[in-house]
C-alpha atoms as a PDB file:
ATOM      1  CA  LYS A   1      30.739  -9.930 -19.401  1.00  0.00           C
ATOM      2  CA  PHE A   2      27.513 -10.450 -17.476  1.00  0.00           C
ATOM      3  CA  ASN A   3      25.941 -13.228 -19.558  1.00  0.00           C
ATOM      4  CA  ASP A   4      25.829 -15.602 -16.591  1.00  0.00           C
ATOM      5  CA  VAL A   5      24.112 -13.093 -14.319  1.00  0.00           C
ATOM      6  CA  HIS A   6      20.308 -13.075 -14.406  1.00  0.00           C
ATOM      7  CA  LEU A   7      18.497 -10.487 -12.355  1.00  0.00           C
ATOM      8  CA  VAL A   8      14.803 -10.290 -11.567  1.00  0.00           C
ATOM      9  CA  CYS A   9      13.083  -7.038 -10.662  1.00  0.00           C
ATOM     10  CA  GLY A  10       9.469  -6.141 -10.005  1.00  0.00           C
ATOM     11  CA  SER A  11       8.712  -3.468 -12.604  1.00  0.00           C
ATOM     12  CA  ASP A  12       9.931  -1.689 -15.717  1.00  0.00           C
ATOM     13  CA  TYR A  13      10.543   1.329 -13.486  1.00  0.00           C
ATOM     14  CA  ALA A  14      12.911  -0.705 -11.322  1.00  0.00           C
ATOM     15  CA  ARG A  15      14.564  -2.244 -14.375  1.00  0.00           C
ATOM     16  CA  ALA A  16      15.565   1.235 -15.593  1.00  0.00           C
ATOM     17  CA  PHE A  17      17.997   1.556 -12.667  1.00  0.00           C
ATOM     18  CA  ILE A  18      19.983  -1.556 -13.667  1.00  0.00           C
ATOM     19  CA  PRO A  19      22.882  -1.287 -16.160  1.00  0.00           C
ATOM     20  CA  MET A  20      21.994  -2.569 -19.623  1.00  0.00           C
ATOM     21  CA  ASP A  21      24.888  -5.085 -19.502  1.00  0.00           C
ATOM     22  CA  TYR A  22      22.871  -7.329 -17.206  1.00  0.00           C
ATOM     23  CA  GLN A  23      20.195  -9.769 -18.265  1.00  0.00           C
ATOM     24  CA  VAL A  24      17.111  -8.607 -16.438  1.00  0.00           C
ATOM     25  CA  HIS A  25      13.695 -10.232 -16.195  1.00  0.00           C
ATOM     26  CA  VAL A  26      10.739  -8.113 -15.117  1.00  0.00           C
ATOM     27  CA  LEU A  27       8.438 -10.138 -12.895  1.00  0.00           C
ATOM     28  CA  TYR A  28       5.293  -8.409 -11.671  1.00  0.00           C
ATOM     29  CA  ASN A  29       4.201  -9.375  -8.200  1.00  0.00           C
ATOM     30  CA  GLY A  30       0.966 -11.252  -7.690  1.00  0.00           C
ATOM     31  CA  ILE A  31      -1.466 -11.657  -4.810  1.00  0.00           C
ATOM     32  CA  PRO A  32      -4.225 -14.174  -4.004  1.00  0.00           C
ATOM     33  CA  ASP A  33      -7.735 -13.062  -4.869  1.00  0.00           C
ATOM     34  CA  VAL A  34      -9.718 -12.434  -1.702  1.00  0.00           C
ATOM     35  CA  SER A  35     -13.273 -11.344  -1.124  1.00  0.00           C
ATOM     36  CA  ILE A  36     -14.103  -8.548   1.300  1.00  0.00           C
ATOM     37  CA  GLY A  37     -17.500  -8.357   2.972  1.00  0.00           C
ATOM     38  CA  ASP A  38     -20.099  -5.626   2.751  1.00  0.00           C
ATOM     39  CA  SER A  39     -18.673  -2.142   2.454  1.00  0.00           C
ATOM     40  CA  GLU A  40     -18.751   0.134   5.489  1.00  0.00           C
ATOM     41  CA  LYS A  41     -18.773   3.220   3.275  1.00  0.00           C
ATOM     42  CA  GLN A  42     -20.614   6.135   4.817  1.00  0.00           C
ATOM     43  CA  PRO A  43     -23.487   7.237   2.556  1.00  0.00           C
ATOM     44  CA  GLY A  44     -22.948  10.598   0.901  1.00  0.00           C
ATOM     45  CA  ARG A  45     -19.190  10.639   1.513  1.00  0.00           C
ATOM     46  CA  PHE A  46     -16.458  10.300  -1.113  1.00  0.00           C
ATOM     47  CA  THR A  47     -13.325   8.674   0.268  1.00  0.00           C
ATOM     48  CA  PHE A  48      -9.673   8.879  -0.760  1.00  0.00           C
ATOM     49  CA  VAL A  49      -7.163   6.505   0.858  1.00  0.00           C
ATOM     50  CA  LEU A  50      -3.379   6.634   1.006  1.00  0.00           C
ATOM     51  CA  SER A  51      -1.706   3.586   2.559  1.00  0.00           C
ATOM     52  CA  GLY A  52       2.023   3.238   3.203  1.00  0.00           C
ATOM     53  CA  THR A  53       4.759   3.680   5.762  1.00  0.00           C
ATOM     54  CA  ILE A  54       4.934   7.278   6.980  1.00  0.00           C
ATOM     55  CA  GLU A  55       8.062   8.586   5.276  1.00  0.00           C
ATOM     56  CA  PRO A  56       9.107  11.171   2.670  1.00  0.00           C
ATOM     57  CA  ARG A  57       9.415   8.478  -0.023  1.00  0.00           C
ATOM     58  CA  LYS A  58       5.702   7.680   0.252  1.00  0.00           C
ATOM     59  CA  GLY A  59       4.655  11.310  -0.169  1.00  0.00           C
ATOM     60  CA  GLN A  60       2.049  11.812   2.528  1.00  0.00           C
ATOM     61  CA  ASP A  61       3.015  15.495   2.499  1.00  0.00           C
ATOM     62  CA  VAL A  62       2.090  15.741  -1.197  1.00  0.00           C
ATOM     63  CA  PHE A  63      -1.287  14.152  -0.446  1.00  0.00           C
ATOM     64  CA  VAL A  64      -2.074  16.629   2.343  1.00  0.00           C
ATOM     65  CA  ASP A  65      -0.906  19.600   0.275  1.00  0.00           C
ATOM     66  CA  ALA A  66      -3.208  18.445  -2.535  1.00  0.00           C
ATOM     67  CA  ILE A  67      -6.139  18.178  -0.131  1.00  0.00           C
ATOM     68  CA  ASN A  68      -5.488  21.746   0.942  1.00  0.00           C
ATOM     69  CA  LEU A  69      -5.790  22.852  -2.691  1.00  0.00           C
ATOM     70  CA  LEU A  70      -9.245  21.332  -3.175  1.00  0.00           C
ATOM     71  CA  PRO A  71     -12.273  23.649  -3.056  1.00  0.00           C
ATOM     72  CA  GLU A  72     -13.693  23.833   0.453  1.00  0.00           C
ATOM     73  CA  GLU A  73     -17.110  22.514  -0.613  1.00  0.00           C
ATOM     74  CA  VAL A  74     -15.419  19.422  -2.079  1.00  0.00           C
ATOM     75  CA  ARG A  75     -13.370  18.791   1.068  1.00  0.00           C
ATOM     76  CA  ARG A  76     -16.521  18.950   3.162  1.00  0.00           C
ATOM     77  CA  SER A  77     -18.032  16.109   1.110  1.00  0.00           C
ATOM     78  CA  CYS A  78     -14.975  13.865   1.326  1.00  0.00           C
ATOM     79  CA  ASP A  79     -12.970  11.799   3.771  1.00  0.00           C
ATOM     80  CA  PHE A  80      -9.201  11.500   3.391  1.00  0.00           C
ATOM     81  CA  LEU A  81      -7.702   8.496   5.160  1.00  0.00           C
ATOM     82  CA  ILE A  82      -4.000   7.937   5.800  1.00  0.00           C
ATOM     83  CA  ILE A  83      -2.834   4.465   6.874  1.00  0.00           C
ATOM     84  CA  GLY A  84       0.693   3.457   7.788  1.00  0.00           C
ATOM     85  CA  LYS A  85       3.288   2.832  10.447  1.00  0.00           C
ATOM     86  CA  LEU A  86       5.223   5.795  11.795  1.00  0.00           C
ATOM     87  CA  TRP A  87       8.844   4.956  12.557  1.00  0.00           C
ATOM     88  CA  GLU A  88      10.393   7.238  15.166  1.00  0.00           C
ATOM     89  CA  GLY A  89      13.053   8.309  12.671  1.00  0.00           C
ATOM     90  CA  ASN A  90      10.330   9.918  10.529  1.00  0.00           C
ATOM     91  CA  ARG A  91       8.704  11.792  13.409  1.00  0.00           C
ATOM     92  CA  ALA A  92       9.902  15.231  12.262  1.00  0.00           C
ATOM     93  CA  PHE A  93       8.481  14.613   8.769  1.00  0.00           C
ATOM     94  CA  TRP A  94       5.123  13.558  10.225  1.00  0.00           C
ATOM     95  CA  ASN A  95       4.976  16.437  12.725  1.00  0.00           C
ATOM     96  CA  LYS A  96       4.968  18.944   9.864  1.00  0.00           C
ATOM     97  CA  ILE A  97       2.115  17.060   8.210  1.00  0.00           C
ATOM     98  CA  GLN A  98       0.160  16.901  11.450  1.00  0.00           C
ATOM     99  CA  GLU A  99       0.305  20.674  11.773  1.00  0.00           C
ATOM    100  CA  LYS A 100      -1.513  20.909   8.458  1.00  0.00           C
ATOM    101  CA  ILE A 101      -4.102  18.182   8.989  1.00  0.00           C
ATOM    102  CA  GLN A 102      -5.129  19.629  12.339  1.00  0.00           C
ATOM    103  CA  GLN A 103      -6.792  22.345  10.259  1.00  0.00           C
ATOM    104  CA  ILE A 104      -8.648  19.859   8.017  1.00  0.00           C
ATOM    105  CA  GLU A 105     -11.205  17.842   9.947  1.00  0.00           C
ATOM    106  CA  GLN A 106     -11.873  15.500   7.021  1.00  0.00           C
ATOM    107  CA  VAL A 107      -8.321  14.071   7.173  1.00  0.00           C
ATOM    108  CA  LYS A 108      -7.915  11.087   9.485  1.00  0.00           C
ATOM    109  CA  TYR A 109      -4.716   9.221  10.314  1.00  0.00           C
ATOM    110  CA  LEU A 110      -5.652   5.632  11.162  1.00  0.00           C
ATOM    111  CA  GLY A 111      -2.154   4.511  12.125  1.00  0.00           C
ATOM    112  CA  LEU A 112      -0.875   1.006  11.467  1.00  0.00           C
ATOM    113  CA  LEU A 113      -3.777  -1.383  10.864  1.00  0.00           C
ATOM    114  CA  PRO A 114      -3.902  -5.176  10.545  1.00  0.00           C
ATOM    115  CA  HIS A 115      -3.728  -6.254   6.921  1.00  0.00           C
ATOM    116  CA  GLN A 116      -7.334  -7.439   6.818  1.00  0.00           C
ATOM    117  CA  LYS A 117      -8.517  -4.082   8.139  1.00  0.00           C
ATOM    118  CA  ILE A 118      -6.502  -2.249   5.476  1.00  0.00           C
ATOM    119  CA  LEU A 119      -8.271  -4.308   2.808  1.00  0.00           C
ATOM    120  CA  GLU A 120     -11.614  -3.409   4.365  1.00  0.00           C
ATOM    121  CA  VAL A 121     -10.775   0.296   4.340  1.00  0.00           C
ATOM    122  CA  VAL A 122      -9.650   0.113   0.709  1.00  0.00           C
ATOM    123  CA  ALA A 123     -12.806  -1.830  -0.222  1.00  0.00           C
ATOM    124  CA  SER A 124     -14.994   0.864   1.321  1.00  0.00           C
ATOM    125  CA  SER A 125     -13.129   3.727  -0.364  1.00  0.00           C
ATOM    126  CA  ASP A 126     -13.688   5.362  -3.741  1.00  0.00           C
ATOM    127  CA  VAL A 127     -10.124   6.197  -4.798  1.00  0.00           C
ATOM    128  CA  VAL A 128      -6.716   4.908  -3.728  1.00  0.00           C
ATOM    129  CA  VAL A 129      -3.928   7.470  -3.996  1.00  0.00           C
ATOM    130  CA  CYS A 130      -0.277   6.474  -4.312  1.00  0.00           C
ATOM    131  CA  CYS A 131       1.905   9.571  -4.456  1.00  0.00           C
ATOM    132  CA  SER A 132       5.263   7.958  -3.741  1.00  0.00           C
ATOM    133  CA  ARG A 133       8.378   9.729  -4.926  1.00  0.00           C
ATOM    134  CA  ASP A 134      10.053   6.371  -5.563  1.00  0.00           C
ATOM    135  CA  ASP A 135       8.268   3.011  -5.327  1.00  0.00           C
ATOM    136  CA  PRO A 136       9.131  -0.085  -7.388  1.00  0.00           C
ATOM    137  CA  PHE A 137       5.758  -1.869  -7.126  1.00  0.00           C
ATOM    138  CA  PRO A 138       3.652  -0.964  -4.076  1.00  0.00           C
ATOM    139  CA  LEU A 139       1.472  -3.759  -2.742  1.00  0.00           C
ATOM    140  CA  VAL A 140      -1.470  -1.437  -2.142  1.00  0.00           C
ATOM    141  CA  THR A 141      -1.840  -0.887  -5.894  1.00  0.00           C
ATOM    142  CA  LEU A 142      -2.295  -4.629  -6.433  1.00  0.00           C
ATOM    143  CA  GLU A 143      -4.822  -4.788  -3.619  1.00  0.00           C
ATOM    144  CA  ALA A 144      -6.717  -1.778  -4.954  1.00  0.00           C
ATOM    145  CA  SER A 145      -7.002  -3.333  -8.407  1.00  0.00           C
ATOM    146  CA  MET A 146      -8.063  -6.648  -6.892  1.00  0.00           C
ATOM    147  CA  LEU A 147     -10.824  -4.755  -5.086  1.00  0.00           C
ATOM    148  CA  CYS A 148     -11.971  -2.936  -8.239  1.00  0.00           C
ATOM    149  CA  LYS A 149     -10.684   0.486  -7.187  1.00  0.00           C
ATOM    150  CA  ILE A 150      -9.381   3.263  -9.361  1.00  0.00           C
ATOM    151  CA  MET A 151      -5.998   4.721  -8.388  1.00  0.00           C
ATOM    152  CA  ILE A 152      -4.248   8.043  -8.818  1.00  0.00           C
ATOM    153  CA  LEU A 153      -0.579   7.313  -9.568  1.00  0.00           C
ATOM    154  CA  ASN A 154       2.586   8.887 -10.948  1.00  0.00           C
ATOM    155  CA  ASP A 155       5.396   7.579 -13.131  1.00  0.00           C
ATOM    156  CA  ASN A 156       7.687   6.909 -10.144  1.00  0.00           C
ATOM    157  CA  VAL A 157       5.226   4.241  -8.984  1.00  0.00           C
ATOM    158  CA  GLY A 158       6.422   1.079 -10.715  1.00  0.00           C
ATOM    159  CA  SER A 159       2.986  -0.474 -11.141  1.00  0.00           C
ATOM    160  CA  ALA A 160       1.619   2.640 -12.870  1.00  0.00           C
ATOM    161  CA  SER A 161       2.836   1.531 -16.304  1.00  0.00           C
ATOM    162  CA  ILE A 162       0.512  -1.475 -16.512  1.00  0.00           C
ATOM    163  CA  PHE A 163      -2.537   0.450 -15.296  1.00  0.00           C
ATOM    164  CA  LYS A 164      -2.135   3.479 -17.525  1.00  0.00           C
ATOM    165  CA  LYS A 165      -1.746   1.206 -20.572  1.00  0.00           C
ATOM    166  CA  SER A 166      -5.310   0.057 -19.918  1.00  0.00           C
ATOM    167  CA  GLU A 167      -6.569   3.529 -18.961  1.00  0.00           C
ATOM    168  CA  ALA A 168      -7.354   2.053 -15.558  1.00  0.00           C
ATOM    169  CA  CYS A 169      -5.888   4.868 -13.466  1.00  0.00           C
ATOM    170  CA  LEU A 170      -5.440   8.618 -13.302  1.00  0.00           C
ATOM    171  CA  MET A 171      -1.907  10.026 -13.515  1.00  0.00           C
ATOM    172  CA  PHE A 172      -0.232  13.106 -12.059  1.00  0.00           C
ATOM    173  CA  ASP A 173       3.304  14.487 -12.081  1.00  0.00           C
ATOM    174  CA  VAL A 174       5.436  13.167  -9.243  1.00  0.00           C
ATOM    175  CA  ASN A 175       5.849  15.511  -6.267  1.00  0.00           C
ATOM    176  CA  ASN A 176       3.259  17.921  -7.726  1.00  0.00           C
ATOM    177  CA  ALA A 177       0.456  18.607  -5.253  1.00  0.00           C
ATOM    178  CA  ALA A 178      -1.441  20.846  -7.691  1.00  0.00           C
ATOM    179  CA  ALA A 179      -1.472  18.111 -10.325  1.00  0.00           C
ATOM    180  CA  LEU A 180      -2.650  15.571  -7.740  1.00  0.00           C
ATOM    181  CA  ALA A 181      -5.407  17.921  -6.540  1.00  0.00           C
ATOM    182  CA  LYS A 182      -6.592  18.318 -10.146  1.00  0.00           C
ATOM    183  CA  GLN A 183      -6.978  14.547 -10.517  1.00  0.00           C
ATOM    184  CA  MET A 184      -8.644  14.185  -7.127  1.00  0.00           C
ATOM    185  CA  LEU A 185     -11.133  16.855  -8.138  1.00  0.00           C
ATOM    186  CA  TYR A 186     -11.709  15.092 -11.455  1.00  0.00           C
ATOM    187  CA  ALA A 187     -12.442  11.821  -9.646  1.00  0.00           C
ATOM    188  CA  TYR A 188     -14.888  13.545  -7.307  1.00  0.00           C
ATOM    189  CA  LYS A 189     -16.733  15.236 -10.161  1.00  0.00           C
ATOM    190  CA  ASN A 190     -16.851  12.142 -12.386  1.00  0.00           C
ATOM    191  CA  GLN A 191     -17.895   9.398 -10.018  1.00  0.00           C
ATOM    192  CA  GLU A 192     -19.751   7.319 -12.584  1.00  0.00           C
ATOM    193  CA  GLU A 193     -16.679   7.301 -14.841  1.00  0.00           C
ATOM    194  CA  ILE A 194     -14.283   6.298 -12.073  1.00  0.00           C
ATOM    195  CA  THR A 195     -16.569   3.402 -11.150  1.00  0.00           C
ATOM    196  CA  LYS A 196     -16.132   2.132 -14.715  1.00  0.00           C
ATOM    197  CA  MET A 197     -12.377   2.695 -14.460  1.00  0.00           C
ATOM    198  CA  GLY A 198     -12.405   0.596 -11.293  1.00  0.00           C
ATOM    199  CA  VAL A 199     -13.769  -2.290 -13.371  1.00  0.00           C
ATOM    200  CA  LEU A 200     -10.856  -1.804 -15.786  1.00  0.00           C
ATOM    201  CA  SER A 201      -8.498  -1.836 -12.811  1.00  0.00           C
ATOM    202  CA  ARG A 202      -9.889  -5.205 -11.752  1.00  0.00           C
ATOM    203  CA  SER A 203      -9.364  -6.475 -15.308  1.00  0.00           C
ATOM    204  CA  VAL A 204      -5.673  -5.555 -15.069  1.00  0.00           C
ATOM    205  CA  TYR A 205      -5.450  -7.537 -11.843  1.00  0.00           C
ATOM    206  CA  GLU A 206      -7.039 -10.601 -13.445  1.00  0.00           C
ATOM    207  CA  ARG A 207      -4.789 -10.370 -16.484  1.00  0.00           C
ATOM    208  CA  GLU A 208      -1.460  -9.469 -14.859  1.00  0.00           C
ATOM    209  CA  LEU A 209      -1.406  -9.640 -11.064  1.00  0.00           C
ATOM    210  CA  THR A 210      -2.955 -12.837  -9.757  1.00  0.00           C
ATOM    211  CA  ILE A 211      -0.818 -15.256  -7.775  1.00  0.00           C
ATOM    212  CA  GLU A 212      -1.256 -17.771 -10.613  1.00  0.00           C
ATOM    213  CA  LYS A 213       0.167 -15.308 -13.158  1.00  0.00           C
ATOM    214  CA  PHE A 214       3.102 -14.629 -10.854  1.00  0.00           C
ATOM    215  CA  SER A 215       3.804 -18.353 -10.397  1.00  0.00           C
ATOM    216  CA  ASN A 216       3.661 -19.104 -14.119  1.00  0.00           C
ATOM    217  CA  ARG A 217       5.992 -16.264 -15.007  1.00  0.00           C
ATOM    218  CA  PHE A 218       8.386 -17.159 -12.206  1.00  0.00           C
ATOM    219  CA  PHE A 219       8.772 -20.708 -13.480  1.00  0.00           C
ATOM    220  CA  GLU A 220       9.168 -19.462 -17.058  1.00  0.00           C
ATOM    221  CA  ILE A 221      12.110 -17.357 -15.905  1.00  0.00           C
ATOM    222  CA  ILE A 222      13.640 -20.319 -14.070  1.00  0.00           C
ATOM    223  CA  ASP A 223      13.208 -22.565 -17.112  1.00  0.00           C
ATOM    224  CA  HIS A 224      14.916 -20.100 -19.447  1.00  0.00           C
ATOM    225  CA  ALA A 225      17.709 -18.980 -17.121  1.00  0.00           C
END
């Protein structure tokens, strides 16, 4: 019935939402490889970054709840950065989060930043967290892997499948702040290991997520459609 319909989606996670009757091609996104200058990382600080539009889908509340569950001595040694645009329609969601982060001086909301600045923040971080409740293939995960950063992801993040295959990320259960806090604590306590995992993350980028890989796969789909 649907033999003449060819659909393209960005991840296996996204493909799972499409009826099996359709012909579906999974095409991972790709981004150009860019170099970021010297890191501005503050010596002696361990930095977690979450980047994404401020909204329930992106799970900033899960991130802050996880931070609250970390031991106090760990929080004092870390910085927790939140980047993203706040749409007025999500103000009530953000207000509840703000009430919590006012009590945690290590959490900083940087607002909406220019793209180059976001890359610089990610480059100077230690761990990129993506705790979305539903996200087909977030761009920040590609950028983190390009920049040799380990990520903490869950199975509702579409790009997670390719990173966990290569043991290039840490995983937690979606919407579970305690599980996220456990992985954040693991990253903090095993910094030499996560540096090595960051190298694996970069390898996934080179193998799967460059703009050249995207272009080649796109034309293969066109040729076989």
